[in-house]
Amino acid sequence: MVLFHAFMLSGNVWQDVVPALSDHHRVFTPTLLGHRGGPPARHHPVRIWDVIDAAEGYLDEHGLRRPHLAGNSMGGFVALELARRGRAASVCALSPAGFWSAEDGSHARGAGKVRRIATLSRLSRPMAPLVFRSATVRRLSLRFLNSACHGDRLTEAQAIGSVEDVVSCAVSNELLSTAEEQIAPLDPLPCPVTIAWGEKDTLLPIEPYGRIARQRLPRASFEIVPGVNHVPMFDDPALVARTILAVTGASVR
């Protein structure tokens, strides 16, 4: 199983989910092209197709012909497009990016929120080691950044790490900056696909993004993940693990 992270974060966001998955699958958590700890971009501007190409290269390098894939936000975009290329046994896409358009303003609204997250993370970075000592500040900060409802469940180190991920992302100003970087209709599906949307997602809310997803992937299973925001691993890693395992068909103890 390969887990793909959200835009501007890193493979570290899965650390609390991996133990529950490892009883059933060999788990890989790569950091994607241009992100902190991932392979550097060799040309600019970087587009989502470059990230997908690099992710497919990662599968090849590790001998993963058709693994189960799961991804959050941009990672969901990557997983779905790899499935389109015939590289997935199944996909669980958690609030996937890419279900937007230029015509209705949905891309512009999402991109504007992402730019705000990047700016606020840069501004708060010097203060993060101090202010994130408070669980209350962690909860309020991650809620304001459209990431989590329960940021207080993260440790101080995890919260600081997420800020460092955002600030150190080398492609934050170019990746997903065009409305052309979107997921085209996919019907029929190349493998079992579940779209699992965070009930309280404020970055890419169910309306309109979830609605567009259902239109473009009409045969995918669609479910609402209760009580979680855009990065559900921050809010409820156990629920995320169960959601993914239900898609792979693993029996959950």
Protein backbone atom coordinates (compact mmCIF):
# COMPACT_ATOMS: atom_id res chain seq x y z
CA MET A 1 0.00 0.00 0.00
CA VAL A 2 1.21 3.47 -0.90
CA LEU A 3 -0.03 6.60 0.89
CA PHE A 4 0.25 10.02 -0.77
CA HIS A 5 0.15 13.20 1.29
CA ALA A 6 -1.56 16.54 0.77
CA PHE A 7 -0.10 19.59 -0.98
CA MET A 8 2.74 21.29 0.94
CA LEU A 9 2.87 18.55 3.59
CA SER A 10 5.03 15.40 3.59
CA GLY A 11 4.83 11.66 4.06
CA ASN A 12 5.18 12.24 7.82
CA VAL A 13 1.48 13.11 8.08
CA TRP A 14 0.66 9.39 7.92
CA GLN A 15 2.73 8.41 10.96
CA ASP A 16 -0.29 7.81 13.22
CA VAL A 17 -2.15 5.87 10.51
CA VAL A 18 0.63 3.50 9.44
CA PRO A 19 0.62 1.21 12.52
CA ALA A 20 -3.02 0.21 11.98
CA LEU A 21 -2.40 -0.45 8.29
CA SER A 22 0.84 -2.37 8.79
CA ASP A 23 -0.98 -5.36 10.27
CA HIS A 24 -2.54 -5.89 6.84
CA HIS A 25 -0.24 -4.31 4.25
CA ARG A 26 3.36 -3.38 3.59
CA VAL A 27 3.05 0.40 3.73
CA PHE A 28 5.01 3.07 1.84
CA THR A 29 4.72 6.79 2.63
CA PRO A 30 6.76 8.69 0.03
CA THR A 31 7.15 12.43 0.05
CA LEU A 32 6.21 13.81 -3.34
CA LEU A 33 8.19 15.86 -5.84
CA GLY A 34 9.22 19.32 -4.63
CA HIS A 35 8.05 18.78 -1.04
CA ARG A 36 10.20 18.73 2.10
CA GLY A 37 12.17 15.49 2.10
CA GLY A 38 11.04 14.50 -1.38
CA PRO A 39 12.88 14.51 -4.70
CA PRO A 40 13.78 18.00 -5.94
CA ALA A 41 12.12 19.46 -9.01
CA ARG A 42 14.47 19.55 -11.98
CA HIS A 43 12.51 22.16 -13.93
CA HIS A 44 9.95 24.85 -13.28
CA PRO A 45 7.10 25.50 -13.21
CA VAL A 46 6.10 22.17 -11.73
CA ARG A 47 2.61 20.94 -12.59
CA ILE A 48 0.62 18.10 -11.09
CA TRP A 49 1.49 15.87 -14.05
CA ASP A 50 5.17 16.13 -13.07
CA VAL A 51 4.30 15.01 -9.55
CA ILE A 52 2.29 12.07 -10.91
CA ASP A 53 5.13 11.06 -13.22
CA ALA A 54 7.57 11.12 -10.29
CA ALA A 55 5.14 9.10 -8.16
CA GLU A 56 4.86 6.49 -10.89
CA GLY A 57 8.65 6.39 -10.99
CA TYR A 58 8.61 5.69 -7.24
CA LEU A 59 6.31 2.71 -7.82
CA ASP A 60 8.68 1.40 -10.48
CA GLU A 61 11.74 1.84 -8.27
CA HIS A 62 10.13 -0.15 -5.47
CA GLY A 63 8.71 -2.91 -7.67
CA LEU A 64 5.11 -1.89 -6.99
CA ARG A 65 3.18 -2.73 -10.15
CA ARG A 66 -0.40 -2.32 -8.87
CA PRO A 67 -0.44 -1.54 -5.15
CA HIS A 68 -3.40 -0.30 -3.19
CA LEU A 69 -3.26 3.50 -3.17
CA ALA A 70 -4.64 6.06 -0.74
CA GLY A 71 -4.16 9.78 -0.82
CA ASN A 72 -5.34 12.96 0.82
CA SER A 73 -6.04 16.17 -1.13
CA MET A 74 -3.28 16.42 -3.77
CA GLY A 75 -2.33 12.87 -2.82
CA GLY A 76 -5.83 11.77 -3.77
CA PHE A 77 -5.37 13.49 -7.14
CA VAL A 78 -2.11 11.56 -7.63
CA ALA A 79 -3.68 8.23 -6.62
CA LEU A 80 -6.63 8.64 -8.98
CA GLU A 81 -4.45 9.54 -11.93
CA LEU A 82 -2.14 6.59 -11.26
CA ALA A 83 -5.24 4.40 -11.28
CA ARG A 84 -6.14 5.89 -14.66
CA ARG A 85 -2.70 4.67 -15.83
CA GLY A 86 -3.47 1.15 -14.60
CA ARG A 87 -1.17 1.34 -11.56
CA ALA A 88 -3.64 0.75 -8.70
CA ALA A 89 -5.39 -2.29 -7.22
CA SER A 90 -7.73 0.10 -5.40
CA VAL A 91 -7.91 3.77 -4.47
CA CYS A 92 -9.15 5.53 -1.35
CA ALA A 93 -9.09 9.27 -2.06
CA LEU A 94 -9.63 11.44 1.01
CA SER A 95 -11.02 14.88 0.08
CA PRO A 96 -9.08 14.74 -3.20
CA ALA A 97 -7.92 17.88 -4.96
CA GLY A 98 -8.57 18.33 -8.66
CA PHE A 99 -12.34 18.35 -8.68
CA TRP A 100 -12.76 21.97 -9.67
CA SER A 101 -13.10 24.18 -12.73
CA ALA A 102 -12.32 27.71 -13.82
CA GLU A 103 -15.86 28.45 -14.95
CA ASP A 104 -17.56 28.36 -11.55
CA GLY A 105 -14.66 29.90 -9.59
CA SER A 106 -14.09 26.72 -7.60
CA HIS A 107 -10.42 26.52 -8.53
CA ALA A 108 -9.77 30.17 -7.67
CA ARG A 109 -11.42 29.81 -4.25
CA GLY A 110 -9.42 26.72 -3.36
CA ALA A 111 -6.16 28.22 -4.63
CA GLY A 112 -6.76 31.37 -2.62
CA LYS A 113 -7.12 29.38 0.59
CA VAL A 114 -3.93 27.48 -0.14
CA ARG A 115 -2.01 30.72 -0.68
CA ARG A 116 -3.29 31.97 2.66
CA ILE A 117 -2.09 28.80 4.39
CA ALA A 118 1.37 29.22 2.86
CA THR A 119 1.58 32.89 3.87
CA LEU A 120 0.37 32.35 7.43
CA SER A 121 2.73 29.42 7.90
CA ARG A 122 5.70 31.54 6.84
CA LEU A 123 4.67 34.32 9.21
CA SER A 124 4.09 31.99 12.15
CA ARG A 125 7.20 29.85 11.70
CA PRO A 126 9.45 31.84 14.10
CA MET A 127 6.83 31.64 16.86
CA ALA A 128 5.76 28.02 16.28
CA PRO A 129 8.05 26.36 18.88
CA LEU A 130 6.65 28.67 21.54
CA VAL A 131 2.97 28.96 20.70
CA PHE A 132 2.47 25.29 19.81
CA ARG A 133 3.28 24.30 23.38
CA SER A 134 -0.38 25.07 24.02
CA ALA A 135 -2.88 22.41 22.92
CA THR A 136 -5.51 25.14 22.65
CA VAL A 137 -3.36 27.14 20.23
CA ARG A 138 -2.69 24.00 18.18
CA ARG A 139 -6.43 23.37 17.90
CA LEU A 140 -7.29 26.96 16.97
CA SER A 141 -4.37 27.34 14.56
CA LEU A 142 -5.04 24.19 12.55
CA ARG A 143 -8.73 25.00 12.42
CA PHE A 144 -7.93 28.48 11.10
CA LEU A 145 -5.63 26.91 8.50
CA ASN A 146 -8.48 24.70 7.24
CA SER A 147 -6.58 21.56 8.19
CA ALA A 148 -8.05 19.99 11.33
CA CYS A 149 -10.88 20.33 13.81
CA HIS A 150 -8.86 18.73 16.60
CA GLY A 151 -5.33 20.00 16.12
CA ASP A 152 -4.86 19.65 19.87
CA ARG A 153 -4.47 15.89 19.42
CA LEU A 154 -1.20 16.53 17.58
CA THR A 155 1.96 16.73 19.61
CA GLU A 156 3.93 19.95 19.71
CA ALA A 157 6.53 18.35 17.42
CA GLN A 158 3.91 17.22 14.91
CA ALA A 159 2.37 20.69 14.72
CA ILE A 160 5.76 22.34 14.26
CA GLY A 161 6.63 19.73 11.65
CA SER A 162 3.53 20.55 9.62
CA VAL A 163 4.49 24.23 9.56
CA GLU A 164 8.04 23.32 8.51
CA ASP A 165 6.61 21.16 5.72
CA VAL A 166 4.56 24.04 4.34
CA VAL A 167 7.34 26.62 4.61
CA SER A 168 9.90 24.30 3.02
CA CYS A 169 7.74 23.22 0.08
CA ALA A 170 9.68 24.36 -3.01
CA VAL A 171 6.69 24.27 -5.37
CA SER A 172 3.99 25.98 -3.32
CA ASN A 173 3.71 28.93 -5.72
CA GLU A 174 3.40 26.89 -8.90
CA LEU A 175 1.83 23.49 -8.28
CA LEU A 176 -1.98 23.34 -8.66
CA SER A 177 -1.96 27.01 -9.64
CA THR A 178 -3.83 26.45 -12.92
CA ALA A 179 -7.40 25.31 -13.40
CA GLU A 180 -6.15 22.96 -16.13
CA GLU A 181 -4.65 20.83 -13.34
CA GLN A 182 -7.88 18.99 -12.68
CA ILE A 183 -9.22 15.45 -12.71
CA ALA A 184 -11.06 14.58 -15.90
CA PRO A 185 -14.09 12.25 -15.89
CA LEU A 186 -13.21 8.61 -15.26
CA ASP A 187 -15.92 6.14 -16.31
CA PRO A 188 -15.65 3.20 -16.23
CA LEU A 189 -13.31 2.89 -13.28
CA PRO A 190 -10.03 1.00 -13.72
CA CYS A 191 -10.22 -0.42 -10.17
CA PRO A 192 -12.39 -0.06 -7.05
CA VAL A 193 -12.41 3.61 -6.02
CA THR A 194 -13.80 5.22 -2.89
CA ILE A 195 -14.03 8.98 -2.52
CA ALA A 196 -14.14 9.72 1.22
CA TRP A 197 -14.89 13.37 1.99
CA GLY A 198 -14.31 15.01 5.34
CA GLU A 199 -17.65 16.05 6.80
CA LYS A 200 -16.17 19.28 8.16
CA ASP A 201 -13.74 20.01 5.31
CA THR A 202 -13.36 23.80 5.11
CA LEU A 203 -10.56 23.92 2.52
CA LEU A 204 -12.37 21.93 -0.18
CA PRO A 205 -15.90 21.62 1.21
CA ILE A 206 -18.28 18.94 -0.01
CA GLU A 207 -20.20 21.62 -1.89
CA PRO A 208 -19.09 22.15 -4.60
CA TYR A 209 -15.98 19.96 -4.69
CA GLY A 210 -17.56 16.70 -3.54
CA ARG A 211 -20.45 17.24 -5.92
CA ILE A 212 -18.05 17.69 -8.84
CA ALA A 213 -16.24 14.51 -7.80
CA ARG A 214 -19.47 12.52 -7.94
CA GLN A 215 -20.23 13.91 -11.38
CA ARG A 216 -16.82 13.03 -12.81
CA LEU A 217 -16.50 9.61 -11.15
CA PRO A 218 -20.14 8.45 -11.10
CA ARG A 219 -19.31 4.80 -10.41
CA ALA A 220 -17.01 5.46 -7.46
CA SER A 221 -18.23 4.79 -3.95
CA PHE A 222 -18.76 8.08 -2.15
CA GLU A 223 -18.87 8.46 1.61
CA ILE A 224 -18.67 11.16 4.22
CA VAL A 225 -16.03 10.77 6.92
CA PRO A 226 -17.65 12.18 10.08
CA GLY A 227 -16.05 14.81 12.29
CA VAL A 228 -12.90 15.47 10.25
CA ASN A 229 -11.53 18.45 8.34
CA HIS A 230 -9.40 18.50 5.20
CA VAL A 231 -6.44 16.54 6.64
CA PRO A 232 -8.34 13.73 8.39
CA MET A 233 -5.18 12.03 9.66
CA PHE A 234 -4.74 14.99 12.03
CA ASP A 235 -8.26 14.60 13.42
CA ASP A 236 -8.86 10.84 13.61
CA PRO A 237 -6.08 8.55 12.36
CA ALA A 238 -7.88 5.41 13.53
CA LEU A 239 -10.97 6.32 11.50
CA VAL A 240 -8.78 7.06 8.47
CA ALA A 241 -7.12 3.64 8.79
CA ARG A 242 -10.49 1.88 8.99
CA THR A 243 -11.74 3.81 5.97
CA ILE A 244 -8.71 2.79 3.91
CA LEU A 245 -8.82 -0.85 5.02
CA ALA A 246 -12.48 -1.09 4.06
CA VAL A 247 -11.47 -0.20 0.50
CA THR A 248 -8.63 -2.72 0.31
CA GLY A 249 -10.88 -5.46 1.69
CA ALA A 250 -8.71 -6.13 4.73
CA SER A 251 -10.49 -7.46 7.79
CA VAL A 252 -10.25 -4.97 10.64
CA ARG A 253 -9.76 -6.41 14.09
